[in-house]
């Protein structure tokens, strides 16, 4: 017999004899401890049973008393059960853990199935939007534009007003459809990003110049501040312009007339350059800050809100910036304005430097 087993046997004999003679909680507690030690030593149930049998025979020879044999047998049985308690607990724990894992696996499979169904529904919806809504909507918007341009002045004042409303609403709806499709393509990875190392400042200059007419309509001036000409970033120029156009549009809409919207670029975190757009608007309500980048999220979701928008622009900005390896965020102060920023990587990327003179038109 191995030394650890021999030690356990000796302890078992003493504890069992004490319990056979007087009962009590102390020997039973020792039995539980012996069972745990046996479990830790790698003994199985049959080995503990053999150990108990040896101890019982040993103690019965010492305590042989025919009149008390029933009581001795009962106590021996109780003692043995207590010694096996750690094994039962271990087995029960294993069974419970197995059951819990089975339930978790079943719940996970159900969630995966729900996600698959939702993905299928989303794909079906995108297909319907693309084929059944986008094409006729584009035709309607184009036709309204032609009528408004060529015959608008010939119509009565009320008819011209209704035509202008229809034209604006069709344009807004067309923009919403385009944004939904654009966001889906970006998130699904079906849009190819042409990332090239190129100067940052020409991109900023182009966007500021292209969006100044819209800002002027709102009485706002766009200003390009700090942006060192030697800075080069690894980005898709078209997508940077798309992000900046959206941020400038939002900043102009939320700025009071006569204010300036500032665009700047500065180093951020060593290998990134941060592009920031700062307005002097009312700031973002605290209750809305956690939902800023969510789809269709708008601080004012009423039908009478003074500023238009689809609620998808910032979601698209976030998806674009993250696809280029960057990050996006904002800082706001009620009554003082908001700064939206995004960080662009400076890492080298394959490709030629983009010619700033060929920057695409803003979207």
Protein backbone atom coordinates (compact mmCIF):
# COMPACT_ATOMS: atom_id res chain seq x y z
CA UNK A 1 0.00 0.00 0.00
CA UNK A 2 1.30 3.43 -0.91
CA UNK A 3 2.28 5.80 1.89
CA UNK A 4 -0.53 8.37 1.28
CA UNK A 5 -3.12 5.59 1.23
CA UNK A 6 -1.69 4.06 4.37
CA UNK A 7 -1.93 7.39 6.15
CA UNK A 8 -5.54 7.83 5.07
CA UNK A 9 -6.34 4.29 6.28
CA UNK A 10 -4.88 4.98 9.71
CA UNK A 11 -6.81 8.25 10.01
CA UNK A 12 -9.97 6.52 8.82
CA UNK A 13 -9.63 3.72 11.42
CA UNK A 14 -9.28 6.17 14.30
CA UNK A 15 -12.11 8.45 13.15
CA UNK A 16 -14.46 5.55 12.45
CA UNK A 17 -13.79 3.96 15.87
CA UNK A 18 -14.55 7.28 17.61
CA UNK A 19 -17.82 7.55 15.75
CA UNK A 20 -18.77 3.92 16.38
CA UNK A 21 -18.18 4.40 20.09
CA UNK A 22 -19.80 7.77 20.69
CA UNK A 23 -21.22 9.23 17.49
CA UNK A 24 -21.11 13.03 17.29
CA UNK A 25 -20.34 15.65 14.65
CA UNK A 26 -16.57 15.83 15.07
CA UNK A 27 -15.83 12.33 13.66
CA UNK A 28 -18.23 12.94 10.76
CA UNK A 29 -16.44 16.16 9.92
CA UNK A 30 -13.16 14.24 9.96
CA UNK A 31 -14.74 11.68 7.62
CA UNK A 32 -15.59 14.44 5.15
CA UNK A 33 -12.02 15.77 5.36
CA UNK A 34 -10.63 12.27 4.77
CA UNK A 35 -12.91 11.93 1.73
CA UNK A 36 -11.59 15.22 0.31
CA UNK A 37 -8.02 14.08 0.90
CA UNK A 38 -8.77 10.81 -0.88
CA UNK A 39 -10.26 12.71 -3.79
CA UNK A 40 -7.18 14.96 -3.98
CA UNK A 41 -4.92 11.92 -3.85
CA UNK A 42 -6.65 10.47 -6.89
CA UNK A 43 -8.52 7.65 -5.15
CA UNK A 44 -11.72 6.38 -6.68
CA UNK A 45 -14.96 5.37 -4.99
CA UNK A 46 -14.05 1.69 -5.00
CA UNK A 47 -10.70 2.42 -3.37
CA UNK A 48 -12.42 4.43 -0.62
CA UNK A 49 -14.92 1.58 -0.20
CA UNK A 50 -12.03 -0.86 0.27
CA UNK A 51 -10.45 1.54 2.75
CA UNK A 52 -13.73 1.70 4.70
CA UNK A 53 -14.11 -2.06 4.67
CA UNK A 54 -10.61 -2.51 6.10
CA UNK A 55 -11.19 0.09 8.80
CA UNK A 56 -14.59 -1.34 9.71
CA UNK A 57 -13.24 -4.88 10.12
CA UNK A 58 -10.38 -3.52 12.20
CA UNK A 59 -12.68 -1.52 14.49
CA UNK A 60 -15.28 -4.29 14.83
CA UNK A 61 -12.61 -6.64 16.13
CA UNK A 62 -11.83 -4.08 18.77
CA UNK A 63 -15.38 -3.10 19.56
CA UNK A 64 -17.12 -6.42 19.06
CA UNK A 65 -20.29 -6.23 21.09
CA UNK A 66 -23.20 -8.36 19.84
CA UNK A 67 -25.85 -6.30 21.64
CA UNK A 68 -24.77 -3.16 19.87
CA UNK A 69 -24.02 -4.64 16.43
CA UNK A 70 -27.08 -2.97 14.80
CA UNK A 71 -26.12 0.45 16.10
CA UNK A 72 -22.50 -0.11 15.06
CA UNK A 73 -23.60 -1.14 11.56
CA UNK A 74 -25.86 1.93 11.28
CA UNK A 75 -23.11 4.28 12.37
CA UNK A 76 -20.61 2.60 10.05
CA UNK A 77 -23.02 3.16 7.17
CA UNK A 78 -23.45 6.87 8.10
CA UNK A 79 -19.70 7.29 8.36
CA UNK A 80 -19.14 5.69 4.97
CA UNK A 81 -21.78 7.93 3.37
CA UNK A 82 -20.08 11.03 4.76
CA UNK A 83 -16.72 9.89 3.42
CA UNK A 84 -18.24 9.53 -0.04
CA UNK A 85 -19.86 13.01 0.11
CA UNK A 86 -16.98 14.81 -1.70
CA UNK A 87 -17.24 12.31 -4.57
CA UNK A 88 -20.99 12.86 -4.80
CA UNK A 89 -20.55 16.62 -4.72
CA UNK A 90 -17.93 16.37 -7.45
CA UNK A 91 -20.17 14.18 -9.59
CA UNK A 92 -23.20 16.40 -9.04
CA UNK A 93 -21.15 19.49 -9.86
CA UNK A 94 -20.00 17.89 -13.08
CA UNK A 95 -23.56 17.00 -14.01
CA UNK A 96 -24.78 20.50 -13.20
CA UNK A 97 -21.95 22.08 -15.21
CA UNK A 98 -22.73 19.78 -18.12
CA UNK A 99 -26.39 20.74 -17.96
CA UNK A 100 -25.56 24.44 -17.81
CA UNK A 101 -23.26 24.13 -20.80
CA UNK A 102 -25.96 22.25 -22.68
CA UNK A 103 -28.48 25.03 -21.96
CA UNK A 104 -25.99 27.72 -23.00
CA UNK A 105 -25.21 25.87 -26.21
CA UNK A 106 -28.91 25.53 -27.01
CA UNK A 107 -29.47 29.26 -26.33
CA UNK A 108 -26.48 30.15 -28.48
CA UNK A 109 -27.78 28.02 -31.34
CA UNK A 110 -31.18 29.72 -31.07
CA UNK A 111 -29.54 33.15 -31.19
CA UNK A 112 -27.46 32.15 -34.20
CA UNK A 113 -30.59 30.97 -35.96
CA UNK A 114 -32.36 34.25 -35.16
CA UNK A 115 -29.33 36.19 -36.44
CA UNK A 116 -29.38 34.15 -39.66
CA UNK A 117 -33.06 34.88 -40.18
CA UNK A 118 -32.51 38.57 -39.49
CA UNK A 119 -29.60 38.64 -41.93
CA UNK A 120 -31.77 37.00 -44.58
CA UNK A 121 -34.55 39.54 -43.96
CA UNK A 122 -32.04 42.39 -44.15
CA UNK A 123 -30.66 41.11 -47.45
CA UNK A 124 -34.19 40.81 -48.81
CA UNK A 125 -35.01 44.34 -47.65
CA UNK A 126 -31.84 45.76 -49.21
CA UNK A 127 -32.66 44.00 -52.47
CA UNK A 128 -36.19 45.45 -52.47
CA UNK A 129 -34.88 48.94 -51.68
CA UNK A 130 -32.28 48.71 -54.42
CA UNK A 131 -34.47 47.35 -57.20
CA UNK A 132 -38.05 48.30 -56.34
CA UNK A 133 -37.55 51.70 -54.72
CA UNK A 134 -34.33 53.31 -55.80
CA UNK A 135 -34.93 53.18 -59.57
CA UNK A 136 -38.45 54.66 -59.64
CA UNK A 137 -37.50 57.19 -56.97
CA UNK A 138 -34.57 58.39 -59.07
CA UNK A 139 -36.92 58.82 -62.03
CA UNK A 140 -39.48 60.72 -59.96
CA UNK A 141 -36.85 63.01 -58.48
CA UNK A 142 -35.36 63.69 -61.93
CA UNK A 143 -38.78 64.40 -63.46
CA UNK A 144 -39.69 66.80 -60.67
CA UNK A 145 -36.37 68.57 -61.15
CA UNK A 146 -36.97 69.01 -64.87
CA UNK A 147 -40.52 70.30 -64.33
CA UNK A 148 -39.33 72.67 -61.62
CA UNK A 149 -36.53 74.03 -63.81
CA UNK A 150 -38.36 74.37 -67.13
CA UNK A 151 -41.96 75.08 -66.16
CA UNK A 152 -41.85 76.18 -62.55
CA UNK A 153 -42.23 79.86 -63.33
CA UNK A 154 -45.28 79.20 -65.49
CA UNK A 155 -47.22 77.55 -62.68
CA UNK A 156 -49.43 79.35 -60.16
CA UNK A 157 -47.78 80.26 -56.88
CA UNK A 158 -49.48 77.48 -54.88
CA UNK A 159 -48.57 74.89 -57.52
CA UNK A 160 -44.95 76.08 -57.49
CA UNK A 161 -44.89 75.75 -53.70
CA UNK A 162 -46.24 72.21 -53.81
CA UNK A 163 -43.82 71.28 -56.60
CA UNK A 164 -40.88 72.58 -54.57
CA UNK A 165 -42.02 70.60 -51.52
CA UNK A 166 -42.33 67.41 -53.61
CA UNK A 167 -38.91 68.00 -55.13
CA UNK A 168 -37.23 68.53 -51.75
CA UNK A 169 -38.93 65.49 -50.22
CA UNK A 170 -38.00 63.27 -53.17
CA UNK A 171 -34.41 64.44 -52.85
CA UNK A 172 -34.42 63.67 -49.13
CA UNK A 173 -35.93 60.22 -49.71
CA UNK A 174 -33.41 59.48 -52.48
CA UNK A 175 -30.61 60.48 -50.09
CA UNK A 176 -32.03 58.19 -47.41
CA UNK A 177 -32.12 55.23 -49.82
CA UNK A 178 -28.57 55.93 -50.96
CA UNK A 179 -27.38 56.14 -47.36
CA UNK A 180 -29.04 52.85 -46.40
CA UNK A 181 -27.46 51.06 -49.33
CA UNK A 182 -24.09 52.73 -48.77
CA UNK A 183 -23.98 51.79 -45.08
CA UNK A 184 -24.95 48.20 -45.83
CA UNK A 185 -22.22 47.85 -48.43
CA UNK A 186 -19.56 49.32 -46.15
CA UNK A 187 -20.49 47.15 -43.16
CA UNK A 188 -20.71 43.99 -45.28
CA UNK A 189 -17.25 44.63 -46.74
CA UNK A 190 -18.46 44.66 -50.34
CA UNK A 191 -17.12 48.18 -50.93
CA UNK A 192 -13.47 48.29 -51.99
CA UNK A 193 -11.45 51.03 -50.30
CA UNK A 194 -8.60 52.45 -52.39
CA UNK A 195 -6.21 53.35 -49.61
CA UNK A 196 -3.17 55.35 -50.74
CA UNK A 197 -0.60 57.53 -49.03
CA UNK A 198 -1.41 61.13 -49.95
CA UNK A 199 -1.19 64.69 -48.57
CA UNK A 200 -3.92 65.52 -46.07
CA UNK A 201 -4.19 69.29 -46.53
CA UNK A 202 -5.37 69.23 -50.20
CA UNK A 203 -8.24 66.96 -49.20
CA UNK A 204 -9.29 69.37 -46.46
CA UNK A 205 -9.00 72.39 -48.76
CA UNK A 206 -11.15 70.70 -51.39
CA UNK A 207 -13.93 69.80 -48.94
CA UNK A 208 -14.01 73.25 -47.35
CA UNK A 209 -14.24 74.91 -50.77
CA UNK A 210 -16.88 72.50 -52.07
CA UNK A 211 -19.15 72.92 -49.04
CA UNK A 212 -18.83 76.69 -48.61
CA UNK A 213 -21.84 77.46 -50.87
CA UNK A 214 -24.12 75.31 -48.69
CA UNK A 215 -22.75 76.94 -45.53
CA UNK A 216 -23.24 80.40 -47.05
CA UNK A 217 -26.95 79.67 -47.51
CA UNK A 218 -27.09 79.17 -43.74
CA UNK A 219 -25.02 82.28 -43.01
CA UNK A 220 -22.03 80.25 -41.82
CA UNK A 221 -18.38 80.47 -42.87
CA UNK A 222 -16.11 77.43 -43.17
CA UNK A 223 -12.50 78.06 -42.14
CA UNK A 224 -9.49 75.77 -42.59
CA UNK A 225 -7.06 76.39 -39.76
CA UNK A 226 -4.08 74.27 -38.78
CA UNK A 227 -3.19 71.64 -41.39
CA UNK A 228 0.56 71.28 -42.17
CA UNK A 229 1.10 70.71 -45.91
CA UNK A 230 3.75 68.04 -45.39
CA UNK A 231 1.43 65.66 -43.52
CA UNK A 232 0.60 62.47 -45.44
CA UNK A 233 -1.97 59.88 -44.45
CA UNK A 234 -2.89 56.40 -45.69
CA UNK A 235 -6.54 56.79 -46.67
CA UNK A 236 -9.13 56.49 -49.41
CA UNK A 237 -9.42 60.13 -50.49
CA UNK A 238 -13.00 59.80 -51.74
CA UNK A 239 -14.14 58.39 -48.41
CA UNK A 240 -12.33 61.07 -46.38
CA UNK A 241 -14.16 63.68 -48.45
CA UNK A 242 -17.45 61.87 -47.79
CA UNK A 243 -16.85 61.87 -44.03
CA UNK A 244 -15.79 65.52 -43.93
CA UNK A 245 -18.72 66.59 -46.09
CA UNK A 246 -21.14 65.03 -43.65
CA UNK A 247 -19.45 66.55 -40.60
CA UNK A 248 -19.30 70.01 -42.21
CA UNK A 249 -22.95 69.78 -43.25
CA UNK A 250 -23.99 68.94 -39.69
CA UNK A 251 -21.78 71.67 -38.21
CA UNK A 252 -23.19 74.30 -40.58
CA UNK A 253 -26.79 73.24 -39.86
CA UNK A 254 -26.33 73.52 -36.10
CA UNK A 255 -24.33 76.78 -36.11
CA UNK A 256 -26.07 80.14 -35.63
CA UNK A 257 -25.88 82.57 -38.58
CA UNK A 258 -22.69 84.63 -38.57
CA UNK A 259 -20.63 81.92 -36.86
CA UNK A 260 -17.62 80.05 -38.18
CA UNK A 261 -17.04 76.31 -38.51
CA UNK A 262 -13.36 75.51 -38.04
CA UNK A 263 -11.51 72.61 -39.66
CA UNK A 264 -8.09 71.62 -38.34
CA UNK A 265 -5.58 68.78 -38.32
CA UNK A 266 -3.10 67.90 -35.57
CA UNK A 267 -1.04 64.84 -34.50
CA UNK A 268 -2.80 62.29 -32.30
CA UNK A 269 -1.25 59.27 -30.65
CA UNK A 270 2.01 59.10 -32.58
CA UNK A 271 0.91 57.28 -35.76
CA UNK A 272 -2.36 59.17 -36.32
CA UNK A 273 -3.42 62.62 -37.46
CA UNK A 274 -6.66 63.99 -36.05
CA UNK A 275 -9.01 65.96 -38.28
CA UNK A 276 -11.46 68.07 -36.25
CA UNK A 277 -14.60 69.99 -37.20
CA UNK A 278 -15.70 72.51 -34.55
CA UNK A 279 -18.97 74.45 -34.47
CA UNK A 280 -20.51 76.97 -32.10
CA UNK A 281 -23.91 75.33 -31.96
CA UNK A 282 -26.04 74.36 -28.96
CA UNK A 283 -24.03 71.23 -28.17
CA UNK A 284 -25.28 67.64 -27.91
CA UNK A 285 -27.79 66.85 -25.13
CA UNK A 286 -26.37 64.49 -22.53
CA UNK A 287 -29.29 62.09 -22.99
CA UNK A 288 -28.41 61.70 -26.68
CA UNK A 289 -24.61 61.37 -26.51
CA UNK A 290 -24.61 57.58 -26.18
CA UNK A 291 -26.67 57.22 -29.38
CA UNK A 292 -24.88 59.71 -31.62
CA UNK A 293 -23.42 57.07 -33.96
CA UNK A 294 -26.45 54.78 -33.99
CA UNK A 295 -28.51 54.35 -37.15
CA UNK A 296 -31.41 56.74 -37.62
CA UNK A 297 -30.50 58.48 -34.37
CA UNK A 298 -31.43 62.17 -34.11
CA UNK A 299 -31.49 64.41 -31.06
CA UNK A 300 -34.73 65.95 -32.36
CA UNK A 301 -36.80 63.15 -33.90
CA UNK A 302 -40.03 65.15 -34.19
CA UNK A 303 -41.66 65.77 -37.55
CA UNK A 304 -41.36 69.54 -37.01
CA UNK A 305 -37.62 69.66 -36.41
CA UNK A 306 -36.03 72.65 -38.15
CA UNK A 307 -32.98 70.76 -39.44
CA UNK A 308 -33.27 67.95 -41.97
CA UNK A 309 -31.31 64.72 -42.14
CA UNK A 310 -31.73 60.98 -42.40
CA UNK A 311 -30.03 60.02 -39.14
CA UNK A 312 -27.57 57.79 -41.01
CA UNK A 313 -24.76 60.22 -41.77
CA UNK A 314 -22.74 59.72 -38.59
CA UNK A 315 -23.23 55.94 -38.75
CA UNK A 316 -21.74 55.99 -42.25
CA UNK A 317 -18.87 58.22 -41.07
CA UNK A 318 -18.06 55.79 -38.27
CA UNK A 319 -18.14 52.78 -40.60
CA UNK A 320 -15.87 54.51 -43.14
CA UNK A 321 -13.30 55.74 -40.62
CA UNK A 322 -13.07 52.35 -38.91
CA UNK A 323 -12.70 50.55 -42.25
CA UNK A 324 -9.64 52.75 -42.93
CA UNK A 325 -8.13 51.77 -39.57
CA UNK A 326 -9.08 55.03 -37.86
CA UNK A 327 -11.35 56.08 -35.03
CA UNK A 328 -14.03 58.73 -34.60
CA UNK A 329 -15.48 60.59 -31.64
CA UNK A 330 -16.71 63.95 -30.38
CA UNK A 331 -16.43 66.47 -27.56
CA UNK A 332 -19.33 68.72 -26.69
CA UNK A 333 -20.30 71.41 -24.22
CA UNK A 334 -23.91 72.62 -23.89
CA UNK A 335 -24.29 76.13 -25.19
CA UNK A 336 -20.66 76.29 -26.41
CA UNK A 337 -20.58 73.94 -29.38
CA UNK A 338 -19.30 70.53 -30.49
CA UNK A 339 -16.13 69.16 -32.04
CA UNK A 340 -16.36 66.00 -34.11
CA UNK A 341 -13.01 64.42 -34.89
CA UNK A 342 -11.60 61.39 -36.63
CA UNK A 343 -8.07 59.98 -36.54
CA UNK A 344 -6.39 58.85 -39.75
CA UNK A 345 -3.41 56.44 -39.83
CA UNK A 346 -0.04 57.64 -41.10
CA UNK A 347 1.26 54.15 -41.87
CA UNK A 348 2.72 53.61 -45.31
CA UNK A 349 0.35 52.00 -47.78
CA UNK A 350 0.99 50.75 -51.32
CA UNK A 351 -0.04 53.01 -54.18
CA UNK A 352 0.79 56.35 -55.69
CA UNK A 353 0.22 59.74 -54.15
CA UNK A 354 -3.16 61.15 -55.07
CA UNK A 355 -3.27 64.29 -57.19
CA UNK A 356 -5.25 66.89 -55.21
CA UNK A 357 -6.51 68.48 -58.42
CA UNK A 358 -8.47 65.35 -59.23
CA UNK A 359 -10.27 65.08 -55.89
CA UNK A 360 -13.85 63.92 -56.51
CA UNK A 361 -16.86 66.07 -55.87
CA UNK A 362 -18.33 65.85 -52.37
CA UNK A 363 -21.29 63.58 -51.91
